[in-house]
Amino acid sequence: MGEGDRNMLCHSIAAYVSDCQDFGVAIKDWRTPTFCPLSCPANSHYQICAQTCDAPCPGLTSIVSCPVTCAEGCACDSDSYFNGTGCIKWDECGCYYDGRTYKVR
């Protein structure tokens, strides 16, 4: 099927890992810089069990729906905060009130 296609192999392993994590199975790091690397956006890093919502911008705790199960992905760096779509620095967090976002000027 994939005839040695590394992308297909990586996607297959990632799907398997996701299914295992959904069932509560602890998975160890399997990605490396040379085998199925996952690049993350600015202010974040890869984790086998990423908890994106561990550091939300103030006011987002009650708004953002966070997964209960462990899943691999990108987590915010220790000096960054989740704004609902990505990781930003503290002074870039906006205000969230009554379902609206107010950006910092």
PDB file of N, CA and C in Angstrom:
ATOM      1  N   MET A   1       0.810  -1.190   0.000  1.00  0.00           N
ATOM      2  CA  MET A   1       0.000   0.000   0.000  1.00  0.00           C
ATOM      3  C   MET A   1       0.858   1.259   0.000  1.00  0.00           C
ATOM      4  N   GLY A   2       1.602   1.491   1.078  1.00  0.00           N
ATOM      5  CA  GLY A   2       2.408   2.691   1.170  1.00  0.00           C
ATOM      6  C   GLY A   2       3.750   2.551   0.498  1.00  0.00           C
ATOM      7  N   GLU A   3       4.178   1.307   0.269  1.00  0.00           N
ATOM      8  CA  GLU A   3       5.431   0.997  -0.403  1.00  0.00           C
ATOM      9  C   GLU A   3       6.600   1.852   0.091  1.00  0.00           C
ATOM     10  N   GLY A   4       6.751   1.900   1.416  1.00  0.00           N
ATOM     11  CA  GLY A   4       7.903   2.589   1.984  1.00  0.00           C
ATOM     12  C   GLY A   4       7.703   4.078   2.187  1.00  0.00           C
ATOM     13  N   ASP A   5       6.517   4.605   1.987  1.00  0.00           N
ATOM     14  CA  ASP A   5       6.251   6.028   2.172  1.00  0.00           C
ATOM     15  C   ASP A   5       6.308   6.362   3.660  1.00  0.00           C
ATOM     16  N   ARG A   6       7.300   7.153   4.047  1.00  0.00           N
ATOM     17  CA  ARG A   6       7.505   7.483   5.455  1.00  0.00           C
ATOM     18  C   ARG A   6       6.334   8.274   6.035  1.00  0.00           C
ATOM     19  N   ASN A   7       5.737   9.171   5.255  1.00  0.00           N
ATOM     20  CA  ASN A   7       4.596   9.945   5.754  1.00  0.00           C
ATOM     21  C   ASN A   7       3.432   9.039   6.115  1.00  0.00           C
ATOM     22  N   MET A   8       3.183   8.038   5.278  1.00  0.00           N
ATOM     23  CA  MET A   8       2.101   7.105   5.564  1.00  0.00           C
ATOM     24  C   MET A   8       2.415   6.313   6.832  1.00  0.00           C
ATOM     25  N   LEU A   9       3.661   5.903   6.980  1.00  0.00           N
ATOM     26  CA  LEU A   9       4.073   5.180   8.181  1.00  0.00           C
ATOM     27  C   LEU A   9       3.873   6.049   9.418  1.00  0.00           C
ATOM     28  N   CYS A  10       4.300   7.301   9.366  1.00  0.00           N
ATOM     29  CA  CYS A  10       4.171   8.211  10.508  1.00  0.00           C
ATOM     30  C   CYS A  10       2.711   8.440  10.866  1.00  0.00           C
ATOM     31  N   HIS A  11       1.859   8.643   9.859  1.00  0.00           N
ATOM     32  CA  HIS A  11       0.429   8.837  10.117  1.00  0.00           C
ATOM     33  C   HIS A  11      -0.195   7.590  10.728  1.00  0.00           C
ATOM     34  N   SER A  12       0.222   6.425  10.273  1.00  0.00           N
ATOM     35  CA  SER A  12      -0.313   5.168  10.814  1.00  0.00           C
ATOM     36  C   SER A  12       0.090   4.991  12.273  1.00  0.00           C
ATOM     37  N   ILE A  13       1.345   5.252  12.582  1.00  0.00           N
ATOM     38  CA  ILE A  13       1.811   5.132  13.968  1.00  0.00           C
ATOM     39  C   ILE A  13       1.102   6.157  14.847  1.00  0.00           C
ATOM     40  N   ALA A  14       0.956   7.394  14.367  1.00  0.00           N
ATOM     41  CA  ALA A  14       0.277   8.436  15.136  1.00  0.00           C
ATOM     42  C   ALA A  14      -1.171   8.042  15.431  1.00  0.00           C
ATOM     43  N   ALA A  15      -1.855   7.435  14.471  1.00  0.00           N
ATOM     44  CA  ALA A  15      -3.236   6.990  14.684  1.00  0.00           C
ATOM     45  C   ALA A  15      -3.283   5.882  15.731  1.00  0.00           C
ATOM     46  N   TYR A  16      -2.341   4.972  15.655  1.00  0.00           N
ATOM     47  CA  TYR A  16      -2.248   3.882  16.631  1.00  0.00           C
ATOM     48  C   TYR A  16      -1.993   4.444  18.031  1.00  0.00           C
ATOM     49  N   VAL A  17      -1.075   5.374  18.144  1.00  0.00           N
ATOM     50  CA  VAL A  17      -0.752   6.010  19.427  1.00  0.00           C
ATOM     51  C   VAL A  17      -1.985   6.714  19.980  1.00  0.00           C
ATOM     52  N   SER A  18      -2.695   7.443  19.128  1.00  0.00           N
ATOM     53  CA  SER A  18      -3.893   8.157  19.551  1.00  0.00           C
ATOM     54  C   SER A  18      -4.950   7.203  20.086  1.00  0.00           C
ATOM     55  N   ASP A  19      -5.167   6.102  19.387  1.00  0.00           N
ATOM     56  CA  ASP A  19      -6.137   5.107  19.854  1.00  0.00           C
ATOM     57  C   ASP A  19      -5.724   4.529  21.202  1.00  0.00           C
ATOM     58  N   CYS A  20      -4.457   4.217  21.349  1.00  0.00           N
ATOM     59  CA  CYS A  20      -3.972   3.670  22.619  1.00  0.00           C
ATOM     60  C   CYS A  20      -4.165   4.685  23.749  1.00  0.00           C
ATOM     61  N   GLN A  21      -3.849   5.956  23.483  1.00  0.00           N
ATOM     62  CA  GLN A  21      -4.007   6.991  24.505  1.00  0.00           C
ATOM     63  C   GLN A  21      -5.479   7.173  24.870  1.00  0.00           C
ATOM     64  N   ASP A  22      -6.376   7.050  23.900  1.00  0.00           N
ATOM     65  CA  ASP A  22      -7.808   7.153  24.179  1.00  0.00           C
ATOM     66  C   ASP A  22      -8.267   6.086  25.168  1.00  0.00           C
ATOM     67  N   PHE A  23      -7.599   4.930  25.146  1.00  0.00           N
ATOM     68  CA  PHE A  23      -7.940   3.841  26.051  1.00  0.00           C
ATOM     69  C   PHE A  23      -7.134   3.882  27.343  1.00  0.00           C
ATOM     70  N   GLY A  24      -6.355   4.956  27.539  1.00  0.00           N
ATOM     71  CA  GLY A  24      -5.616   5.125  28.785  1.00  0.00           C
ATOM     72  C   GLY A  24      -4.271   4.431  28.833  1.00  0.00           C
ATOM     73  N   VAL A  25      -3.786   3.960  27.701  1.00  0.00           N
ATOM     74  CA  VAL A  25      -2.489   3.297  27.644  1.00  0.00           C
ATOM     75  C   VAL A  25      -1.389   4.359  27.608  1.00  0.00           C
ATOM     76  N   ALA A  26      -0.417   4.249  28.494  1.00  0.00           N
ATOM     77  CA  ALA A  26       0.705   5.189  28.516  1.00  0.00           C
ATOM     78  C   ALA A  26       1.668   4.845  27.383  1.00  0.00           C
ATOM     79  N   ILE A  27       1.959   5.821  26.560  1.00  0.00           N
ATOM     80  CA  ILE A  27       2.868   5.639  25.431  1.00  0.00           C
ATOM     81  C   ILE A  27       4.126   6.457  25.688  1.00  0.00           C
ATOM     82  N   LYS A  28       5.257   5.855  25.427  1.00  0.00           N
ATOM     83  CA  LYS A  28       6.530   6.580  25.573  1.00  0.00           C
ATOM     84  C   LYS A  28       6.827   7.340  24.290  1.00  0.00           C
ATOM     85  N   ASP A  29       7.718   8.322  24.394  1.00  0.00           N
ATOM     86  CA  ASP A  29       8.103   9.098  23.209  1.00  0.00           C
ATOM     87  C   ASP A  29       8.536   8.155  22.098  1.00  0.00           C
ATOM     88  N   TRP A  30       7.993   8.359  20.937  1.00  0.00           N
ATOM     89  CA  TRP A  30       8.375   7.521  19.798  1.00  0.00           C
ATOM     90  C   TRP A  30       8.926   8.358  18.650  1.00  0.00           C
ATOM     91  N   ARG A  31       8.648   9.646  18.660  1.00  0.00           N
ATOM     92  CA  ARG A  31       9.172  10.525  17.613  1.00  0.00           C
ATOM     93  C   ARG A  31      10.585  10.973  17.973  1.00  0.00           C
ATOM     94  N   THR A  32      11.392  11.174  16.971  1.00  0.00           N
ATOM     95  CA  THR A  32      12.739  11.716  17.167  1.00  0.00           C
ATOM     96  C   THR A  32      12.952  12.805  16.115  1.00  0.00           C
ATOM     97  N   PRO A  33      14.032  13.557  16.211  1.00  0.00           N
ATOM     98  CA  PRO A  33      14.285  14.575  15.177  1.00  0.00           C
ATOM     99  C   PRO A  33      14.440  13.991  13.772  1.00  0.00           C
ATOM    100  N   THR A  34      14.773  12.698  13.677  1.00  0.00           N
ATOM    101  CA  THR A  34      14.959  12.092  12.361  1.00  0.00           C
ATOM    102  C   THR A  34      13.862  11.089  11.997  1.00  0.00           C
ATOM    103  N   PHE A  35      13.040  10.670  12.956  1.00  0.00           N
ATOM    104  CA  PHE A  35      11.968   9.710  12.673  1.00  0.00           C
ATOM    105  C   PHE A  35      10.618  10.332  13.046  1.00  0.00           C
ATOM    106  N   CYS A  36       9.831  10.659  12.049  1.00  0.00           N
ATOM    107  CA  CYS A  36       8.499  11.232  12.219  1.00  0.00           C
ATOM    108  C   CYS A  36       8.482  12.471  13.114  1.00  0.00           C
ATOM    109  N   PRO A  37       9.370  13.433  12.859  1.00  0.00           N
ATOM    110  CA  PRO A  37       9.375  14.629  13.717  1.00  0.00           C
ATOM    111  C   PRO A  37       8.073  15.407  13.565  1.00  0.00           C
ATOM    112  N   LEU A  38       7.678  16.070  14.638  1.00  0.00           N
ATOM    113  CA  LEU A  38       6.486  16.912  14.606  1.00  0.00           C
ATOM    114  C   LEU A  38       6.926  18.324  14.958  1.00  0.00           C
ATOM    115  N   SER A  39       6.775  19.233  14.014  1.00  0.00           N
ATOM    116  CA  SER A  39       7.176  20.609  14.296  1.00  0.00           C
ATOM    117  C   SER A  39       5.994  21.351  14.908  1.00  0.00           C
ATOM    118  N   CYS A  40       6.304  22.176  15.869  1.00  0.00           N
ATOM    119  CA  CYS A  40       5.279  22.928  16.591  1.00  0.00           C
ATOM    120  C   CYS A  40       5.411  24.409  16.280  1.00  0.00           C
ATOM    121  N   PRO A  41       4.305  25.144  16.383  1.00  0.00           N
ATOM    122  CA  PRO A  41       4.360  26.587  16.135  1.00  0.00           C
ATOM    123  C   PRO A  41       5.127  27.326  17.228  1.00  0.00           C
ATOM    124  N   ALA A  42       5.308  28.609  17.029  1.00  0.00           N
ATOM    125  CA  ALA A  42       6.044  29.446  17.980  1.00  0.00           C
ATOM    126  C   ALA A  42       5.495  29.307  19.392  1.00  0.00           C
ATOM    127  N   ASN A  43       6.375  29.402  20.359  1.00  0.00           N
ATOM    128  CA  ASN A  43       6.048  29.376  21.791  1.00  0.00           C
ATOM    129  C   ASN A  43       5.481  28.044  22.264  1.00  0.00           C
ATOM    130  N   SER A  44       5.741  26.963  21.526  1.00  0.00           N
ATOM    131  CA  SER A  44       5.264  25.648  21.936  1.00  0.00           C
ATOM    132  C   SER A  44       6.290  24.580  21.583  1.00  0.00           C
ATOM    133  N   HIS A  45       6.092  23.393  22.135  1.00  0.00           N
ATOM    134  CA  HIS A  45       7.004  22.276  21.912  1.00  0.00           C
ATOM    135  C   HIS A  45       6.208  20.974  21.907  1.00  0.00           C
ATOM    136  N   TYR A  46       6.780  19.939  21.306  1.00  0.00           N
ATOM    137  CA  TYR A  46       6.128  18.632  21.213  1.00  0.00           C
ATOM    138  C   TYR A  46       6.148  17.912  22.558  1.00  0.00           C
ATOM    139  N   GLN A  47       5.044  17.258  22.885  1.00  0.00           N
ATOM    140  CA  GLN A  47       4.966  16.371  24.044  1.00  0.00           C
ATOM    141  C   GLN A  47       4.120  15.163  23.666  1.00  0.00           C
ATOM    142  N   ILE A  48       4.488  14.016  24.177  1.00  0.00           N
ATOM    143  CA  ILE A  48       3.724  12.801  23.912  1.00  0.00           C
ATOM    144  C   ILE A  48       2.342  12.895  24.562  1.00  0.00           C
ATOM    145  N   CYS A  49       2.253  13.626  25.656  1.00  0.00           N
ATOM    146  CA  CYS A  49       0.975  13.825  26.339  1.00  0.00           C
ATOM    147  C   CYS A  49       0.817  15.328  26.586  1.00  0.00           C
ATOM    148  N   ALA A  50       0.443  16.041  25.542  1.00  0.00           N
ATOM    149  CA  ALA A  50       0.352  17.504  25.619  1.00  0.00           C
ATOM    150  C   ALA A  50      -0.921  17.929  26.336  1.00  0.00           C
ATOM    151  N   GLN A  51      -0.776  18.823  27.261  1.00  0.00           N
ATOM    152  CA  GLN A  51      -1.906  19.394  27.981  1.00  0.00           C
ATOM    153  C   GLN A  51      -1.981  20.875  27.620  1.00  0.00           C
ATOM    154  N   THR A  52      -2.557  21.165  26.480  1.00  0.00           N
ATOM    155  CA  THR A  52      -2.619  22.533  25.967  1.00  0.00           C
ATOM    156  C   THR A  52      -3.289  23.478  26.942  1.00  0.00           C
ATOM    157  N   CYS A  53      -4.270  23.009  27.634  1.00  0.00           N
ATOM    158  CA  CYS A  53      -5.063  23.888  28.488  1.00  0.00           C
ATOM    159  C   CYS A  53      -4.509  24.044  29.903  1.00  0.00           C
ATOM    160  N   ASP A  54      -3.339  23.547  30.177  1.00  0.00           N
ATOM    161  CA  ASP A  54      -2.753  23.705  31.505  1.00  0.00           C
ATOM    162  C   ASP A  54      -2.393  25.149  31.806  1.00  0.00           C
ATOM    163  N   ALA A  55      -2.178  25.959  30.796  1.00  0.00           N
ATOM    164  CA  ALA A  55      -1.784  27.356  31.000  1.00  0.00           C
ATOM    165  C   ALA A  55      -2.580  28.276  30.069  1.00  0.00           C
ATOM    166  N   PRO A  56      -3.891  28.429  30.338  1.00  0.00           N
ATOM    167  CA  PRO A  56      -4.677  29.305  29.468  1.00  0.00           C
ATOM    168  C   PRO A  56      -4.487  30.777  29.837  1.00  0.00           C
ATOM    169  N   CYS A  57      -4.745  31.650  28.891  1.00  0.00           N
ATOM    170  CA  CYS A  57      -4.776  33.076  29.197  1.00  0.00           C
ATOM    171  C   CYS A  57      -5.892  33.292  30.229  1.00  0.00           C
ATOM    172  N   PRO A  58      -5.761  34.303  31.058  1.00  0.00           N
ATOM    173  CA  PRO A  58      -6.796  34.571  32.060  1.00  0.00           C
ATOM    174  C   PRO A  58      -8.167  34.741  31.421  1.00  0.00           C
ATOM    175  N   GLY A  59      -9.164  34.142  32.027  1.00  0.00           N
ATOM    176  CA  GLY A  59     -10.530  34.255  31.537  1.00  0.00           C
ATOM    177  C   GLY A  59     -10.951  33.163  30.580  1.00  0.00           C
ATOM    178  N   LEU A  60     -10.007  32.355  30.124  1.00  0.00           N
ATOM    179  CA  LEU A  60     -10.358  31.311  29.152  1.00  0.00           C
ATOM    180  C   LEU A  60     -10.733  29.978  29.782  1.00  0.00           C
ATOM    181  N   THR A  61     -10.471  29.803  31.048  1.00  0.00           N
ATOM    182  CA  THR A  61     -10.700  28.518  31.693  1.00  0.00           C
ATOM    183  C   THR A  61     -12.135  28.032  31.504  1.00  0.00           C
ATOM    184  N   SER A  62     -13.093  28.910  31.630  1.00  0.00           N
ATOM    185  CA  SER A  62     -14.497  28.509  31.508  1.00  0.00           C
ATOM    186  C   SER A  62     -14.988  28.508  30.055  1.00  0.00           C
ATOM    187  N   ILE A  63     -14.201  29.046  29.139  1.00  0.00           N
ATOM    188  CA  ILE A  63     -14.627  29.149  27.741  1.00  0.00           C
ATOM    189  C   ILE A  63     -14.100  28.009  26.885  1.00  0.00           C
ATOM    190  N   VAL A  64     -12.813  27.693  27.034  1.00  0.00           N
ATOM    191  CA  VAL A  64     -12.168  26.697  26.186  1.00  0.00           C
ATOM    192  C   VAL A  64     -12.481  25.295  26.687  1.00  0.00           C
ATOM    193  N   SER A  65     -12.888  24.441  25.787  1.00  0.00           N
ATOM    194  CA  SER A  65     -13.147  23.044  26.107  1.00  0.00           C
ATOM    195  C   SER A  65     -11.858  22.260  25.905  1.00  0.00           C
ATOM    196  N   CYS A  66     -11.384  21.624  26.968  1.00  0.00           N
ATOM    197  CA  CYS A  66     -10.116  20.902  26.902  1.00  0.00           C
ATOM    198  C   CYS A  66     -10.343  19.398  26.968  1.00  0.00           C
ATOM    199  N   PRO A  67      -9.557  18.639  26.200  1.00  0.00           N
ATOM    200  CA  PRO A  67      -9.703  17.177  26.234  1.00  0.00           C
ATOM    201  C   PRO A  67      -9.297  16.618  27.594  1.00  0.00           C
ATOM    202  N   VAL A  68      -9.998  15.569  27.993  1.00  0.00           N
ATOM    203  CA  VAL A  68      -9.708  14.923  29.266  1.00  0.00           C
ATOM    204  C   VAL A  68      -8.608  13.886  29.102  1.00  0.00           C
ATOM    205  N   THR A  69      -8.567  13.250  27.941  1.00  0.00           N
ATOM    206  CA  THR A  69      -7.579  12.205  27.708  1.00  0.00           C
ATOM    207  C   THR A  69      -6.253  12.791  27.231  1.00  0.00           C
ATOM    208  N   CYS A  70      -5.229  12.017  27.407  1.00  0.00           N
ATOM    209  CA  CYS A  70      -3.887  12.395  26.981  1.00  0.00           C
ATOM    210  C   CYS A  70      -3.799  12.256  25.461  1.00  0.00           C
ATOM    211  N   ALA A  71      -3.122  13.212  24.823  1.00  0.00           N
ATOM    212  CA  ALA A  71      -2.920  13.131  23.379  1.00  0.00           C
ATOM    213  C   ALA A  71      -1.613  13.805  23.014  1.00  0.00           C
ATOM    214  N   GLU A  72      -0.883  13.215  22.060  1.00  0.00           N
ATOM    215  CA  GLU A  72       0.367  13.850  21.652  1.00  0.00           C
ATOM    216  C   GLU A  72       0.068  15.102  20.856  1.00  0.00           C
ATOM    217  N   GLY A  73       0.969  16.054  20.959  1.00  0.00           N
ATOM    218  CA  GLY A  73       0.783  17.297  20.221  1.00  0.00           C
ATOM    219  C   GLY A  73       1.724  18.369  20.731  1.00  0.00           C
ATOM    220  N   CYS A  74       1.364  19.608  20.490  1.00  0.00           N
ATOM    221  CA  CYS A  74       2.185  20.743  20.889  1.00  0.00           C
ATOM    222  C   CYS A  74       1.617  21.369  22.157  1.00  0.00           C
ATOM    223  N   ALA A  75       2.473  21.597  23.121  1.00  0.00           N
ATOM    224  CA  ALA A  75       2.092  22.228  24.384  1.00  0.00           C
ATOM    225  C   ALA A  75       2.818  23.560  24.498  1.00  0.00           C
ATOM    226  N   CYS A  76       2.213  24.488  25.202  1.00  0.00           N
ATOM    227  CA  CYS A  76       2.827  25.808  25.371  1.00  0.00           C
ATOM    228  C   CYS A  76       4.109  25.704  26.182  1.00  0.00           C
ATOM    229  N   ASP A  77       5.098  26.503  25.799  1.00  0.00           N
ATOM    230  CA  ASP A  77       6.329  26.603  26.573  1.00  0.00           C
ATOM    231  C   ASP A  77       6.005  27.157  27.954  1.00  0.00           C
ATOM    232  N   SER A  78       6.910  26.992  28.903  1.00  0.00           N
ATOM    233  CA  SER A  78       6.639  27.387  30.286  1.00  0.00           C
ATOM    234  C   SER A  78       6.361  28.875  30.451  1.00  0.00           C
ATOM    235  N   ASP A  79       6.832  29.702  29.535  1.00  0.00           N
ATOM    236  CA  ASP A  79       6.587  31.143  29.646  1.00  0.00           C
ATOM    237  C   ASP A  79       5.509  31.628  28.666  1.00  0.00           C
ATOM    238  N   SER A  80       4.678  30.699  28.162  1.00  0.00           N
ATOM    239  CA  SER A  80       3.628  31.048  27.205  1.00  0.00           C
ATOM    240  C   SER A  80       2.280  30.539  27.682  1.00  0.00           C
ATOM    241  N   TYR A  81       1.212  31.106  27.105  1.00  0.00           N
ATOM    242  CA  TYR A  81      -0.142  30.800  27.534  1.00  0.00           C
ATOM    243  C   TYR A  81      -1.027  30.509  26.336  1.00  0.00           C
ATOM    244  N   PHE A  82      -1.978  29.610  26.512  1.00  0.00           N
ATOM    245  CA  PHE A  82      -2.878  29.197  25.443  1.00  0.00           C
ATOM    246  C   PHE A  82      -4.000  30.221  25.299  1.00  0.00           C
ATOM    247  N   ASN A  83      -4.209  30.732  24.069  1.00  0.00           N
ATOM    248  CA  ASN A  83      -5.243  31.747  23.845  1.00  0.00           C
ATOM    249  C   ASN A  83      -6.463  31.193  23.109  1.00  0.00           C
ATOM    250  N   GLY A  84      -6.556  29.884  23.032  1.00  0.00           N
ATOM    251  CA  GLY A  84      -7.676  29.249  22.331  1.00  0.00           C
ATOM    252  C   GLY A  84      -7.295  28.719  20.968  1.00  0.00           C
ATOM    253  N   THR A  85      -6.239  29.274  20.379  1.00  0.00           N
ATOM    254  CA  THR A  85      -5.794  28.792  19.070  1.00  0.00           C
ATOM    255  C   THR A  85      -4.303  28.498  19.031  1.00  0.00           C
ATOM    256  N   GLY A  86      -3.531  29.090  19.922  1.00  0.00           N
ATOM    257  CA  GLY A  86      -2.087  28.892  19.933  1.00  0.00           C
ATOM    258  C   GLY A  86      -1.489  29.391  21.231  1.00  0.00           C
ATOM    259  N   CYS A  87      -0.178  29.415  21.280  1.00  0.00           N
ATOM    260  CA  CYS A  87       0.541  29.819  22.486  1.00  0.00           C
ATOM    261  C   CYS A  87       1.157  31.200  22.282  1.00  0.00           C
ATOM    262  N   ILE A  88       0.918  32.070  23.231  1.00  0.00           N
ATOM    263  CA  ILE A  88       1.408  33.445  23.148  1.00  0.00           C
ATOM    264  C   ILE A  88       2.041  33.857  24.465  1.00  0.00           C
ATOM    265  N   LYS A  89       2.744  34.953  24.452  1.00  0.00           N
ATOM    266  CA  LYS A  89       3.350  35.497  25.669  1.00  0.00           C
ATOM    267  C   LYS A  89       2.258  36.150  26.512  1.00  0.00           C
ATOM    268  N   TRP A  90       2.500  36.236  27.823  1.00  0.00           N
ATOM    269  CA  TRP A  90       1.534  36.765  28.784  1.00  0.00           C
ATOM    270  C   TRP A  90       0.994  38.137  28.366  1.00  0.00           C
ATOM    271  N   ASP A  91       1.874  39.027  27.938  1.00  0.00           N
ATOM    272  CA  ASP A  91       1.436  40.385  27.615  1.00  0.00           C
ATOM    273  C   ASP A  91       0.651  40.473  26.303  1.00  0.00           C
ATOM    274  N   GLU A  92       0.512  39.357  25.595  1.00  0.00           N
ATOM    275  CA  GLU A  92      -0.295  39.318  24.382  1.00  0.00           C
ATOM    276  C   GLU A  92      -1.684  38.747  24.630  1.00  0.00           C
ATOM    277  N   CYS A  93      -1.915  38.207  25.840  1.00  0.00           N
ATOM    278  CA  CYS A  93      -3.230  37.665  26.177  1.00  0.00           C
ATOM    279  C   CYS A  93      -4.246  38.802  26.179  1.00  0.00           C
ATOM    280  N   GLY A  94      -5.377  38.569  25.575  1.00  0.00           N
ATOM    281  CA  GLY A  94      -6.433  39.566  25.583  1.00  0.00           C
ATOM    282  C   GLY A  94      -7.353  39.344  26.768  1.00  0.00           C
ATOM    283  N   CYS A  95      -8.448  40.015  26.752  1.00  0.00           N
ATOM    284  CA  CYS A  95      -9.484  39.844  27.778  1.00  0.00           C
ATOM    285  C   CYS A  95     -10.637  39.082  27.146  1.00  0.00           C
ATOM    286  N   TYR A  96     -11.261  38.241  27.918  1.00  0.00           N
ATOM    287  CA  TYR A  96     -12.359  37.435  27.431  1.00  0.00           C
ATOM    288  C   TYR A  96     -13.550  37.670  28.349  1.00  0.00           C
ATOM    289  N   TYR A  97     -14.631  38.195  27.768  1.00  0.00           N
ATOM    290  CA  TYR A  97     -15.790  38.496  28.572  1.00  0.00           C
ATOM    291  C   TYR A  97     -17.052  38.239  27.764  1.00  0.00           C
ATOM    292  N   ASP A  98     -17.962  37.484  28.346  1.00  0.00           N
ATOM    293  CA  ASP A  98     -19.266  37.231  27.754  1.00  0.00           C
ATOM    294  C   ASP A  98     -19.153  36.712  26.318  1.00  0.00           C
ATOM    295  N   GLY A  99     -18.211  35.806  26.087  1.00  0.00           N
ATOM    296  CA  GLY A  99     -18.049  35.183  24.777  1.00  0.00           C
ATOM    297  C   GLY A  99     -17.316  36.025  23.746  1.00  0.00           C
ATOM    298  N   ARG A 100     -16.785  37.149  24.162  1.00  0.00           N
ATOM    299  CA  ARG A 100     -16.057  38.020  23.233  1.00  0.00           C
ATOM    300  C   ARG A 100     -14.597  38.119  23.636  1.00  0.00           C
ATOM    301  N   THR A 101     -13.760  38.331  22.635  1.00  0.00           N
ATOM    302  CA  THR A 101     -12.332  38.507  22.855  1.00  0.00           C
ATOM    303  C   THR A 101     -11.977  39.966  22.624  1.00  0.00           C
ATOM    304  N   TYR A 102     -11.263  40.536  23.579  1.00  0.00           N
ATOM    305  CA  TYR A 102     -10.792  41.908  23.448  1.00  0.00           C
ATOM    306  C   TYR A 102      -9.265  41.862  23.403  1.00  0.00           C
ATOM    307  N   LYS A 103      -8.704  42.246  22.282  1.00  0.00           N
ATOM    308  CA  LYS A 103      -7.255  42.169  22.088  1.00  0.00           C
ATOM    309  C   LYS A 103      -6.532  43.317  22.763  1.00  0.00           C
ATOM    310  N   VAL A 104      -5.270  43.048  23.109  1.00  0.00           N
ATOM    311  CA  VAL A 104      -4.414  44.069  23.690  1.00  0.00           C
ATOM    312  C   VAL A 104      -4.038  45.049  22.590  1.00  0.00           C
ATOM    313  N   ARG A 105      -4.051  46.312  22.899  1.00  0.00           N
ATOM    314  CA  ARG A 105      -3.696  47.312  21.881  1.00  0.00           C
ATOM    315  C   ARG A 105      -2.252  47.627  21.915  1.00  0.00           C
TER     316      ARG A 105
END
